[in-house]
Amino acid sequence: MKKIEAIIRPAKLEELKAALEEIGVRGITLYEVKGRGLQGNEKQYYRGQEHSIDLFPKVKLEIVCHDESVENIISQILKTCKTGKKGDGKIFVYPVERIIRISTREEGGAAL
């Protein structure tokens, strides 16, 4: 099993949730986060004063899935979230050693 973490633009969240549901992904965990990558600093003006913004609002999704689903999920994330501009985000994939459903004590794939 694998854990997929995707950092995306907040504006793409609802579209991505719908796209993932279409391919049968039910379990996701979301975090509102801030970060920066290639975007660098951005100048914004508030009440006539210039402010430098170097951390941007993002959404982090976590999905744990079977190995055979990874490429399909990644493809859906790329298709839905790519704007072609800096700041579209990143995808990370990690191995998952063990999963246990607390309520039933099921383990492995049955716990998904």
PDB file of N, CA and C in Angstrom:
ATOM      1  N   MET A   1       0.838  -1.181   0.000  1.00  0.00           N
ATOM      2  CA  MET A   1       0.000   0.000   0.000  1.00  0.00           C
ATOM      3  C   MET A   1       0.878   1.237   0.000  1.00  0.00           C
ATOM      4  N   LYS A   2       0.306   2.345  -0.450  1.00  0.00           N
ATOM      5  CA  LYS A   2       1.031   3.606  -0.557  1.00  0.00           C
ATOM      6  C   LYS A   2       0.221   4.742   0.050  1.00  0.00           C
ATOM      7  N   LYS A   3       0.944   5.777   0.455  1.00  0.00           N
ATOM      8  CA  LYS A   3       0.323   7.024   0.909  1.00  0.00           C
ATOM      9  C   LYS A   3       0.717   8.094  -0.094  1.00  0.00           C
ATOM     10  N   ILE A   4      -0.274   8.765  -0.646  1.00  0.00           N
ATOM     11  CA  ILE A   4      -0.052   9.857  -1.586  1.00  0.00           C
ATOM     12  C   ILE A   4      -0.361  11.152  -0.860  1.00  0.00           C
ATOM     13  N   GLU A   5       0.605  12.067  -0.864  1.00  0.00           N
ATOM     14  CA  GLU A   5       0.380  13.412  -0.338  1.00  0.00           C
ATOM     15  C   GLU A   5       0.444  14.364  -1.515  1.00  0.00           C
ATOM     16  N   ALA A   6      -0.543  15.213  -1.628  1.00  0.00           N
ATOM     17  CA  ALA A   6      -0.565  16.206  -2.700  1.00  0.00           C
ATOM     18  C   ALA A   6      -0.778  17.583  -2.086  1.00  0.00           C
ATOM     19  N   ILE A   7       0.083  18.520  -2.459  1.00  0.00           N
ATOM     20  CA  ILE A   7      -0.062  19.916  -2.060  1.00  0.00           C
ATOM     21  C   ILE A   7      -0.603  20.646  -3.283  1.00  0.00           C
ATOM     22  N   ILE A   8      -1.783  21.249  -3.152  1.00  0.00           N
ATOM     23  CA  ILE A   8      -2.437  21.859  -4.312  1.00  0.00           C
ATOM     24  C   ILE A   8      -2.939  23.267  -3.991  1.00  0.00           C
ATOM     25  N   ARG A   9      -3.360  23.956  -5.039  1.00  0.00           N
ATOM     26  CA  ARG A   9      -3.996  25.269  -4.874  1.00  0.00           C
ATOM     27  C   ARG A   9      -5.385  25.073  -4.253  1.00  0.00           C
ATOM     28  N   PRO A  10      -5.756  25.898  -3.281  1.00  0.00           N
ATOM     29  CA  PRO A  10      -7.080  25.761  -2.663  1.00  0.00           C
ATOM     30  C   PRO A  10      -8.228  25.850  -3.671  1.00  0.00           C
ATOM     31  N   ALA A  11      -8.062  26.630  -4.712  1.00  0.00           N
ATOM     32  CA  ALA A  11      -9.118  26.808  -5.713  1.00  0.00           C
ATOM     33  C   ALA A  11      -9.421  25.518  -6.474  1.00  0.00           C
ATOM     34  N   LYS A  12      -8.519  24.551  -6.443  1.00  0.00           N
ATOM     35  CA  LYS A  12      -8.700  23.292  -7.169  1.00  0.00           C
ATOM     36  C   LYS A  12      -9.295  22.179  -6.304  1.00  0.00           C
ATOM     37  N   LEU A  13      -9.517  22.439  -5.030  1.00  0.00           N
ATOM     38  CA  LEU A  13      -9.930  21.392  -4.101  1.00  0.00           C
ATOM     39  C   LEU A  13     -11.249  20.739  -4.482  1.00  0.00           C
ATOM     40  N   GLU A  14     -12.292  21.501  -4.681  1.00  0.00           N
ATOM     41  CA  GLU A  14     -13.611  20.915  -4.969  1.00  0.00           C
ATOM     42  C   GLU A  14     -13.594  20.125  -6.265  1.00  0.00           C
ATOM     43  N   GLU A  15     -12.923  20.652  -7.272  1.00  0.00           N
ATOM     44  CA  GLU A  15     -12.806  19.954  -8.550  1.00  0.00           C
ATOM     45  C   GLU A  15     -12.055  18.631  -8.375  1.00  0.00           C
ATOM     46  N   LEU A  16     -10.991  18.645  -7.575  1.00  0.00           N
ATOM     47  CA  LEU A  16     -10.214  17.432  -7.350  1.00  0.00           C
ATOM     48  C   LEU A  16     -11.009  16.409  -6.541  1.00  0.00           C
ATOM     49  N   LYS A  17     -11.733  16.849  -5.525  1.00  0.00           N
ATOM     50  CA  LYS A  17     -12.552  15.919  -4.746  1.00  0.00           C
ATOM     51  C   LYS A  17     -13.553  15.196  -5.645  1.00  0.00           C
ATOM     52  N   ALA A  18     -14.187  15.929  -6.556  1.00  0.00           N
ATOM     53  CA  ALA A  18     -15.149  15.326  -7.481  1.00  0.00           C
ATOM     54  C   ALA A  18     -14.453  14.340  -8.426  1.00  0.00           C
ATOM     55  N   ALA A  19     -13.278  14.707  -8.917  1.00  0.00           N
ATOM     56  CA  ALA A  19     -12.527  13.836  -9.828  1.00  0.00           C
ATOM     57  C   ALA A  19     -12.090  12.558  -9.126  1.00  0.00           C
ATOM     58  N   LEU A  20     -11.662  12.663  -7.869  1.00  0.00           N
ATOM     59  CA  LEU A  20     -11.247  11.477  -7.121  1.00  0.00           C
ATOM     60  C   LEU A  20     -12.440  10.587  -6.808  1.00  0.00           C
ATOM     61  N   GLU A  21     -13.582  11.189  -6.514  1.00  0.00           N
ATOM     62  CA  GLU A  21     -14.778  10.400  -6.240  1.00  0.00           C
ATOM     63  C   GLU A  21     -15.204   9.607  -7.480  1.00  0.00           C
ATOM     64  N   GLU A  22     -15.027  10.202  -8.660  1.00  0.00           N
ATOM     65  CA  GLU A  22     -15.362   9.526  -9.916  1.00  0.00           C
ATOM     66  C   GLU A  22     -14.575   8.235 -10.103  1.00  0.00           C
ATOM     67  N   ILE A  23     -13.336   8.211  -9.617  1.00  0.00           N
ATOM     68  CA  ILE A  23     -12.523   7.001  -9.788  1.00  0.00           C
ATOM     69  C   ILE A  23     -12.561   6.107  -8.550  1.00  0.00           C
ATOM     70  N   GLY A  24     -13.466   6.412  -7.617  1.00  0.00           N
ATOM     71  CA  GLY A  24     -13.690   5.527  -6.477  1.00  0.00           C
ATOM     72  C   GLY A  24     -12.855   5.792  -5.246  1.00  0.00           C
ATOM     73  N   VAL A  25     -12.195   6.942  -5.176  1.00  0.00           N
ATOM     74  CA  VAL A  25     -11.411   7.274  -3.986  1.00  0.00           C
ATOM     75  C   VAL A  25     -12.350   7.878  -2.960  1.00  0.00           C
ATOM     76  N   ARG A  26     -12.529   7.194  -1.827  1.00  0.00           N
ATOM     77  CA  ARG A  26     -13.427   7.693  -0.794  1.00  0.00           C
ATOM     78  C   ARG A  26     -12.673   8.333   0.346  1.00  0.00           C
ATOM     79  N   GLY A  27     -11.586   7.723   0.764  1.00  0.00           N
ATOM     80  CA  GLY A  27     -10.896   8.185   1.959  1.00  0.00           C
ATOM     81  C   GLY A  27      -9.799   9.194   1.663  1.00  0.00           C
ATOM     82  N   ILE A  28     -10.007  10.413   2.109  1.00  0.00           N
ATOM     83  CA  ILE A  28      -8.970  11.439   1.995  1.00  0.00           C
ATOM     84  C   ILE A  28      -8.925  12.226   3.304  1.00  0.00           C
ATOM     85  N   THR A  29      -7.762  12.761   3.600  1.00  0.00           N
ATOM     86  CA  THR A  29      -7.593  13.659   4.736  1.00  0.00           C
ATOM     87  C   THR A  29      -7.077  14.978   4.188  1.00  0.00           C
ATOM     88  N   LEU A  30      -7.641  16.084   4.657  1.00  0.00           N
ATOM     89  CA  LEU A  30      -7.266  17.409   4.157  1.00  0.00           C
ATOM     90  C   LEU A  30      -6.700  18.271   5.278  1.00  0.00           C
ATOM     91  N   TYR A  31      -5.720  19.081   4.915  1.00  0.00           N
ATOM     92  CA  TYR A  31      -5.153  20.070   5.821  1.00  0.00           C
ATOM     93  C   TYR A  31      -5.059  21.392   5.072  1.00  0.00           C
ATOM     94  N   GLU A  32      -5.346  22.474   5.746  1.00  0.00           N
ATOM     95  CA  GLU A  32      -5.048  23.791   5.191  1.00  0.00           C
ATOM     96  C   GLU A  32      -3.645  24.139   5.654  1.00  0.00           C
ATOM     97  N   VAL A  33      -2.754  24.413   4.694  1.00  0.00           N
ATOM     98  CA  VAL A  33      -1.351  24.666   5.014  1.00  0.00           C
ATOM     99  C   VAL A  33      -0.881  25.915   4.277  1.00  0.00           C
ATOM    100  N   LYS A  34       0.309  26.348   4.608  1.00  0.00           N
ATOM    101  CA  LYS A  34       0.966  27.431   3.883  1.00  0.00           C
ATOM    102  C   LYS A  34       2.342  26.939   3.475  1.00  0.00           C
ATOM    103  N   GLY A  35       2.816  27.404   2.335  1.00  0.00           N
ATOM    104  CA  GLY A  35       4.133  26.977   1.894  1.00  0.00           C
ATOM    105  C   GLY A  35       4.630  27.823   0.743  1.00  0.00           C
ATOM    106  N   ARG A  36       5.829  27.483   0.315  1.00  0.00           N
ATOM    107  CA  ARG A  36       6.396  28.168  -0.834  1.00  0.00           C
ATOM    108  C   ARG A  36       7.347  27.221  -1.543  1.00  0.00           C
ATOM    109  N   GLY A  37       7.508  27.461  -2.805  1.00  0.00           N
ATOM    110  CA  GLY A  37       8.418  26.682  -3.625  1.00  0.00           C
ATOM    111  C   GLY A  37       9.069  27.621  -4.625  1.00  0.00           C
ATOM    112  N   LEU A  38       8.807  27.385  -5.896  1.00  0.00           N
ATOM    113  CA  LEU A  38       9.388  28.211  -6.953  1.00  0.00           C
ATOM    114  C   LEU A  38       8.734  29.585  -7.069  1.00  0.00           C
ATOM    115  N   GLN A  39       7.601  29.787  -6.406  1.00  0.00           N
ATOM    116  CA  GLN A  39       6.887  31.052  -6.517  1.00  0.00           C
ATOM    117  C   GLN A  39       7.717  32.243  -6.043  1.00  0.00           C
ATOM    118  N   GLY A  40       8.520  32.049  -5.026  1.00  0.00           N
ATOM    119  CA  GLY A  40       9.289  33.165  -4.483  1.00  0.00           C
ATOM    120  C   GLY A  40       8.403  34.157  -3.764  1.00  0.00           C
ATOM    121  N   ASN A  41       8.917  35.361  -3.591  1.00  0.00           N
ATOM    122  CA  ASN A  41       8.147  36.408  -2.914  1.00  0.00           C
ATOM    123  C   ASN A  41       7.176  37.059  -3.884  1.00  0.00           C
ATOM    124  N   GLU A  42       6.068  37.507  -3.354  1.00  0.00           N
ATOM    125  CA  GLU A  42       5.067  38.208  -4.141  1.00  0.00           C
ATOM    126  C   GLU A  42       4.749  39.507  -3.421  1.00  0.00           C
ATOM    127  N   LYS A  43       4.688  40.571  -4.149  1.00  0.00           N
ATOM    128  CA  LYS A  43       4.360  41.868  -3.559  1.00  0.00           C
ATOM    129  C   LYS A  43       2.854  42.089  -3.628  1.00  0.00           C
ATOM    130  N   GLN A  44       2.265  42.443  -2.497  1.00  0.00           N
ATOM    131  CA  GLN A  44       0.855  42.796  -2.444  1.00  0.00           C
ATOM    132  C   GLN A  44       0.727  44.122  -1.714  1.00  0.00           C
ATOM    133  N   TYR A  45      -0.352  44.829  -2.000  1.00  0.00           N
ATOM    134  CA  TYR A  45      -0.572  46.124  -1.382  1.00  0.00           C
ATOM    135  C   TYR A  45      -1.826  46.071  -0.522  1.00  0.00           C
ATOM    136  N   TYR A  46      -1.694  46.575   0.697  1.00  0.00           N
ATOM    137  CA  TYR A  46      -2.809  46.645   1.614  1.00  0.00           C
ATOM    138  C   TYR A  46      -2.824  48.044   2.207  1.00  0.00           C
ATOM    139  N   ARG A  47      -3.920  48.762   1.968  1.00  0.00           N
ATOM    140  CA  ARG A  47      -4.070  50.142   2.434  1.00  0.00           C
ATOM    141  C   ARG A  47      -2.887  51.018   2.030  1.00  0.00           C
ATOM    142  N   GLY A  48      -2.471  50.817   0.794  1.00  0.00           N
ATOM    143  CA  GLY A  48      -1.420  51.663   0.243  1.00  0.00           C
ATOM    144  C   GLY A  48      -0.004  51.274   0.615  1.00  0.00           C
ATOM    145  N   GLN A  49       0.159  50.259   1.440  1.00  0.00           N
ATOM    146  CA  GLN A  49       1.503  49.845   1.834  1.00  0.00           C
ATOM    147  C   GLN A  49       1.852  48.518   1.189  1.00  0.00           C
ATOM    148  N   GLU A  50       3.101  48.442   0.746  1.00  0.00           N
ATOM    149  CA  GLU A  50       3.574  47.223   0.099  1.00  0.00           C
ATOM    150  C   GLU A  50       3.945  46.179   1.152  1.00  0.00           C
ATOM    151  N   HIS A  51       3.507  44.947   0.911  1.00  0.00           N
ATOM    152  CA  HIS A  51       3.840  43.820   1.785  1.00  0.00           C
ATOM    153  C   HIS A  51       4.401  42.700   0.926  1.00  0.00           C
ATOM    154  N   SER A  52       5.417  42.035   1.439  1.00  0.00           N
ATOM    155  CA  SER A  52       6.016  40.899   0.747  1.00  0.00           C
ATOM    156  C   SER A  52       5.420  39.613   1.301  1.00  0.00           C
ATOM    157  N   ILE A  53       4.841  38.814   0.430  1.00  0.00           N
ATOM    158  CA  ILE A  53       4.232  37.546   0.823  1.00  0.00           C
ATOM    159  C   ILE A  53       5.157  36.422   0.367  1.00  0.00           C
ATOM    160  N   ASP A  54       5.591  35.581   1.308  1.00  0.00           N
ATOM    161  CA  ASP A  54       6.471  34.475   0.907  1.00  0.00           C
ATOM    162  C   ASP A  54       5.923  33.106   1.297  1.00  0.00           C
ATOM    163  N   LEU A  55       4.778  33.061   1.968  1.00  0.00           N
ATOM    164  CA  LEU A  55       4.098  31.804   2.256  1.00  0.00           C
ATOM    165  C   LEU A  55       2.683  31.911   1.697  1.00  0.00           C
ATOM    166  N   PHE A  56       2.307  30.918   0.894  1.00  0.00           N
ATOM    167  CA  PHE A  56       1.039  30.977   0.185  1.00  0.00           C
ATOM    168  C   PHE A  56       0.093  29.899   0.706  1.00  0.00           C
ATOM    169  N   PRO A  57      -1.215  30.202   0.776  1.00  0.00           N
ATOM    170  CA  PRO A  57      -2.171  29.196   1.236  1.00  0.00           C
ATOM    171  C   PRO A  57      -2.238  28.030   0.248  1.00  0.00           C
ATOM    172  N   LYS A  58      -2.230  26.822   0.778  1.00  0.00           N
ATOM    173  CA  LYS A  58      -2.317  25.593  -0.017  1.00  0.00           C
ATOM    174  C   LYS A  58      -3.215  24.617   0.727  1.00  0.00           C
ATOM    175  N   VAL A  59      -3.572  23.543   0.055  1.00  0.00           N
ATOM    176  CA  VAL A  59      -4.307  22.443   0.666  1.00  0.00           C
ATOM    177  C   VAL A  59      -3.454  21.197   0.507  1.00  0.00           C
ATOM    178  N   LYS A  60      -3.327  20.438   1.574  1.00  0.00           N
ATOM    179  CA  LYS A  60      -2.589  19.177   1.538  1.00  0.00           C
ATOM    180  C   LYS A  60      -3.589  18.036   1.676  1.00  0.00           C
ATOM    181  N   LEU A  61      -3.581  17.133   0.700  1.00  0.00           N
ATOM    182  CA  LEU A  61      -4.429  15.948   0.731  1.00  0.00           C
ATOM    183  C   LEU A  61      -3.568  14.738   1.025  1.00  0.00           C
ATOM    184  N   GLU A  62      -4.095  13.815   1.814  1.00  0.00           N
ATOM    185  CA  GLU A  62      -3.443  12.538   2.056  1.00  0.00           C
ATOM    186  C   GLU A  62      -4.410  11.438   1.668  1.00  0.00           C
ATOM    187  N   ILE A  63      -3.924  10.500   0.868  1.00  0.00           N
ATOM    188  CA  ILE A  63      -4.729   9.373   0.413  1.00  0.00           C
ATOM    189  C   ILE A  63      -3.900   8.113   0.605  1.00  0.00           C
ATOM    190  N   VAL A  64      -4.446   7.123   1.291  1.00  0.00           N
ATOM    191  CA  VAL A  64      -3.787   5.828   1.401  1.00  0.00           C
ATOM    192  C   VAL A  64      -4.547   4.869   0.496  1.00  0.00           C
ATOM    193  N   CYS A  65      -3.806   4.149  -0.347  1.00  0.00           N
ATOM    194  CA  CYS A  65      -4.455   3.310  -1.352  1.00  0.00           C
ATOM    195  C   CYS A  65      -3.630   2.057  -1.641  1.00  0.00           C
ATOM    196  N   HIS A  66      -4.233   1.149  -2.393  1.00  0.00           N
ATOM    197  CA  HIS A  66      -3.528  -0.043  -2.868  1.00  0.00           C
ATOM    198  C   HIS A  66      -2.512   0.372  -3.929  1.00  0.00           C
ATOM    199  N   ASP A  67      -1.435  -0.370  -4.043  1.00  0.00           N
ATOM    200  CA  ASP A  67      -0.367  -0.054  -5.000  1.00  0.00           C
ATOM    201  C   ASP A  67      -0.900   0.137  -6.417  1.00  0.00           C
ATOM    202  N   GLU A  68      -1.852  -0.698  -6.823  1.00  0.00           N
ATOM    203  CA  GLU A  68      -2.344  -0.634  -8.203  1.00  0.00           C
ATOM    204  C   GLU A  68      -3.172   0.611  -8.499  1.00  0.00           C
ATOM    205  N   SER A  69      -3.572   1.358  -7.481  1.00  0.00           N
ATOM    206  CA  SER A  69      -4.367   2.581  -7.678  1.00  0.00           C
ATOM    207  C   SER A  69      -3.515   3.840  -7.776  1.00  0.00           C
ATOM    208  N   VAL A  70      -2.244   3.755  -7.428  1.00  0.00           N
ATOM    209  CA  VAL A  70      -1.398   4.939  -7.312  1.00  0.00           C
ATOM    210  C   VAL A  70      -1.344   5.747  -8.606  1.00  0.00           C
ATOM    211  N   GLU A  71      -1.034   5.101  -9.716  1.00  0.00           N
ATOM    212  CA  GLU A  71      -0.869   5.842 -10.970  1.00  0.00           C
ATOM    213  C   GLU A  71      -2.162   6.507 -11.428  1.00  0.00           C
ATOM    214  N   ASN A  72      -3.291   5.840 -11.217  1.00  0.00           N
ATOM    215  CA  ASN A  72      -4.578   6.414 -11.591  1.00  0.00           C
ATOM    216  C   ASN A  72      -4.888   7.656 -10.755  1.00  0.00           C
ATOM    217  N   ILE A  73      -4.594   7.592  -9.469  1.00  0.00           N
ATOM    218  CA  ILE A  73      -4.831   8.740  -8.580  1.00  0.00           C
ATOM    219  C   ILE A  73      -3.901   9.891  -8.953  1.00  0.00           C
ATOM    220  N   ILE A  74      -2.633   9.592  -9.169  1.00  0.00           N
ATOM    221  CA  ILE A  74      -1.677  10.638  -9.556  1.00  0.00           C
ATOM    222  C   ILE A  74      -2.109  11.291 -10.867  1.00  0.00           C
ATOM    223  N   SER A  75      -2.522  10.484 -11.818  1.00  0.00           N
ATOM    224  CA  SER A  75      -2.981  11.007 -13.103  1.00  0.00           C
ATOM    225  C   SER A  75      -4.157  11.961 -12.926  1.00  0.00           C
ATOM    226  N   GLN A  76      -5.090  11.598 -12.059  1.00  0.00           N
ATOM    227  CA  GLN A  76      -6.264  12.437 -11.793  1.00  0.00           C
ATOM    228  C   GLN A  76      -5.848  13.758 -11.143  1.00  0.00           C
ATOM    229  N   ILE A  77      -4.922  13.705 -10.207  1.00  0.00           N
ATOM    230  CA  ILE A  77      -4.437  14.921  -9.540  1.00  0.00           C
ATOM    231  C   ILE A  77      -3.754  15.832 -10.558  1.00  0.00           C
ATOM    232  N   LEU A  78      -2.890  15.266 -11.383  1.00  0.00           N
ATOM    233  CA  LEU A  78      -2.175  16.063 -12.390  1.00  0.00           C
ATOM    234  C   LEU A  78      -3.140  16.692 -13.383  1.00  0.00           C
ATOM    235  N   LYS A  79      -4.104  15.907 -13.853  1.00  0.00           N
ATOM    236  CA  LYS A  79      -5.059  16.400 -14.840  1.00  0.00           C
ATOM    237  C   LYS A  79      -5.920  17.533 -14.269  1.00  0.00           C
ATOM    238  N   THR A  80      -6.310  17.395 -13.019  1.00  0.00           N
ATOM    239  CA  THR A  80      -7.228  18.349 -12.401  1.00  0.00           C
ATOM    240  C   THR A  80      -6.520  19.613 -11.902  1.00  0.00           C
ATOM    241  N   CYS A  81      -5.316  19.475 -11.366  1.00  0.00           N
ATOM    242  CA  CYS A  81      -4.690  20.584 -10.643  1.00  0.00           C
ATOM    243  C   CYS A  81      -3.656  21.373 -11.442  1.00  0.00           C
ATOM    244  N   LYS A  82      -3.277  20.897 -12.612  1.00  0.00           N
ATOM    245  CA  LYS A  82      -2.248  21.598 -13.374  1.00  0.00           C
ATOM    246  C   LYS A  82      -2.812  22.839 -14.053  1.00  0.00           C
ATOM    247  N   THR A  83      -2.213  24.000 -13.753  1.00  0.00           N
ATOM    248  CA  THR A  83      -2.546  25.232 -14.457  1.00  0.00           C
ATOM    249  C   THR A  83      -1.395  25.640 -15.374  1.00  0.00           C
ATOM    250  N   GLY A  84      -0.222  25.044 -15.135  1.00  0.00           N
ATOM    251  CA  GLY A  84       0.955  25.387 -15.919  1.00  0.00           C
ATOM    252  C   GLY A  84       1.739  26.547 -15.334  1.00  0.00           C
ATOM    253  N   LYS A  85       1.327  27.033 -14.179  1.00  0.00           N
ATOM    254  CA  LYS A  85       2.005  28.163 -13.540  1.00  0.00           C
ATOM    255  C   LYS A  85       2.743  27.677 -12.301  1.00  0.00           C
ATOM    256  N   LYS A  86       3.738  28.444 -11.889  1.00  0.00           N
ATOM    257  CA  LYS A  86       4.424  28.135 -10.632  1.00  0.00           C
ATOM    258  C   LYS A  86       3.404  28.146  -9.505  1.00  0.00           C
ATOM    259  N   GLY A  87       3.567  27.226  -8.567  1.00  0.00           N
ATOM    260  CA  GLY A  87       2.651  27.184  -7.426  1.00  0.00           C
ATOM    261  C   GLY A  87       1.541  26.163  -7.571  1.00  0.00           C
ATOM    262  N   ASP A  88       1.568  25.342  -8.637  1.00  0.00           N
ATOM    263  CA  ASP A  88       0.537  24.311  -8.803  1.00  0.00           C
ATOM    264  C   ASP A  88       0.627  23.248  -7.715  1.00  0.00           C
ATOM    265  N   GLY A  89       1.818  23.023  -7.159  1.00  0.00           N
ATOM    266  CA  GLY A  89       1.953  22.087  -6.052  1.00  0.00           C
ATOM    267  C   GLY A  89       2.880  20.936  -6.352  1.00  0.00           C
ATOM    268  N   LYS A  90       2.812  19.930  -5.492  1.00  0.00           N
ATOM    269  CA  LYS A  90       3.671  18.755  -5.599  1.00  0.00           C
ATOM    270  C   LYS A  90       2.903  17.520  -5.139  1.00  0.00           C
ATOM    271  N   ILE A  91       3.399  16.353  -5.578  1.00  0.00           N
ATOM    272  CA  ILE A  91       2.842  15.068  -5.158  1.00  0.00           C
ATOM    273  C   ILE A  91       3.982  14.234  -4.592  1.00  0.00           C
ATOM    274  N   PHE A  92       3.749  13.617  -3.443  1.00  0.00           N
ATOM    275  CA  PHE A  92       4.725  12.738  -2.799  1.00  0.00           C
ATOM    276  C   PHE A  92       4.077  11.373  -2.610  1.00  0.00           C
ATOM    277  N   VAL A  93       4.846  10.302  -2.808  1.00  0.00           N
ATOM    278  CA  VAL A  93       4.333   8.944  -2.627  1.00  0.00           C
ATOM    279  C   VAL A  93       5.255   8.208  -1.656  1.00  0.00           C
ATOM    280  N   TYR A  94       4.647   7.600  -0.624  1.00  0.00           N
ATOM    281  CA  TYR A  94       5.389   6.887   0.410  1.00  0.00           C
ATOM    282  C   TYR A  94       4.856   5.461   0.556  1.00  0.00           C
ATOM    283  N   PRO A  95       5.709   4.528   0.950  1.00  0.00           N
ATOM    284  CA  PRO A  95       5.203   3.190   1.287  1.00  0.00           C
ATOM    285  C   PRO A  95       4.489   3.231   2.644  1.00  0.00           C
ATOM    286  N   VAL A  96       3.471   2.396   2.791  1.00  0.00           N
ATOM    287  CA  VAL A  96       2.745   2.274   4.054  1.00  0.00           C
ATOM    288  C   VAL A  96       2.985   0.870   4.580  1.00  0.00           C
ATOM    289  N   GLU A  97       3.496   0.763   5.783  1.00  0.00           N
ATOM    290  CA  GLU A  97       3.836  -0.535   6.360  1.00  0.00           C
ATOM    291  C   GLU A  97       2.640  -1.269   6.936  1.00  0.00           C
ATOM    292  N   ARG A  98       1.738  -0.523   7.581  1.00  0.00           N
ATOM    293  CA  ARG A  98       0.653  -1.199   8.285  1.00  0.00           C
ATOM    294  C   ARG A  98      -0.528  -0.251   8.449  1.00  0.00           C
ATOM    295  N   ILE A  99      -1.727  -0.792   8.304  1.00  0.00           N
ATOM    296  CA  ILE A  99      -2.954  -0.032   8.531  1.00  0.00           C
ATOM    297  C   ILE A  99      -3.844  -0.852   9.450  1.00  0.00           C
ATOM    298  N   ILE A 100      -4.423  -0.198  10.439  1.00  0.00           N
ATOM    299  CA  ILE A 100      -5.348  -0.860  11.357  1.00  0.00           C
ATOM    300  C   ILE A 100      -6.576   0.032  11.521  1.00  0.00           C
ATOM    301  N   ARG A 101      -7.753  -0.514  11.253  1.00  0.00           N
ATOM    302  CA  ARG A 101      -8.999   0.218  11.495  1.00  0.00           C
ATOM    303  C   ARG A 101      -9.313   0.063  12.979  1.00  0.00           C
ATOM    304  N   ILE A 102      -9.385   1.161  13.682  1.00  0.00           N
ATOM    305  CA  ILE A 102      -9.552   1.127  15.131  1.00  0.00           C
ATOM    306  C   ILE A 102     -10.861   0.462  15.543  1.00  0.00           C
ATOM    307  N   SER A 103     -11.967   0.765  14.863  1.00  0.00           N
ATOM    308  CA  SER A 103     -13.276   0.261  15.299  1.00  0.00           C
ATOM    309  C   SER A 103     -13.418  -1.249  15.187  1.00  0.00           C
ATOM    310  N   THR A 104     -12.793  -1.866  14.182  1.00  0.00           N
ATOM    311  CA  THR A 104     -12.980  -3.302  13.956  1.00  0.00           C
ATOM    312  C   THR A 104     -11.695  -4.112  14.100  1.00  0.00           C
ATOM    313  N   ARG A 105     -10.576  -3.415  14.208  1.00  0.00           N
ATOM    314  CA  ARG A 105      -9.257  -4.033  14.271  1.00  0.00           C
ATOM    315  C   ARG A 105      -8.867  -4.759  12.975  1.00  0.00           C
ATOM    316  N   GLU A 106      -9.566  -4.453  11.887  1.00  0.00           N
ATOM    317  CA  GLU A 106      -9.176  -5.010  10.589  1.00  0.00           C
ATOM    318  C   GLU A 106      -7.803  -4.431  10.236  1.00  0.00           C
ATOM    319  N   GLU A 107      -7.036  -5.213   9.486  1.00  0.00           N
ATOM    320  CA  GLU A 107      -5.704  -4.758   9.095  1.00  0.00           C
ATOM    321  C   GLU A 107      -5.505  -4.868   7.599  1.00  0.00           C
ATOM    322  N   GLY A 108      -4.492  -4.144   7.113  1.00  0.00           N
ATOM    323  CA  GLY A 108      -4.112  -4.192   5.703  1.00  0.00           C
ATOM    324  C   GLY A 108      -5.165  -3.598   4.801  1.00  0.00           C
ATOM    325  N   GLY A 109      -5.335  -4.198   3.624  1.00  0.00           N
ATOM    326  CA  GLY A 109      -6.285  -3.704   2.637  1.00  0.00           C
ATOM    327  C   GLY A 109      -7.706  -3.644   3.136  1.00  0.00           C
ATOM    328  N   ALA A 110      -8.089  -4.555   4.028  1.00  0.00           N
ATOM    329  CA  ALA A 110      -9.448  -4.551   4.582  1.00  0.00           C
ATOM    330  C   ALA A 110      -9.705  -3.316   5.428  1.00  0.00           C
ATOM    331  N   ALA A 111      -8.660  -2.711   5.942  1.00  0.00           N
ATOM    332  CA  ALA A 111      -8.814  -1.528   6.797  1.00  0.00           C
ATOM    333  C   ALA A 111      -9.018  -0.245   5.987  1.00  0.00           C
ATOM    334  N   LEU A 112      -8.767  -0.316   4.688  1.00  0.00           N
ATOM    335  CA  LEU A 112      -8.995   0.870   3.852  1.00  0.00           C
ATOM    336  C   LEU A 112     -10.480   1.074   3.677  1.00  0.00           C
TER     337      LEU A 112
END
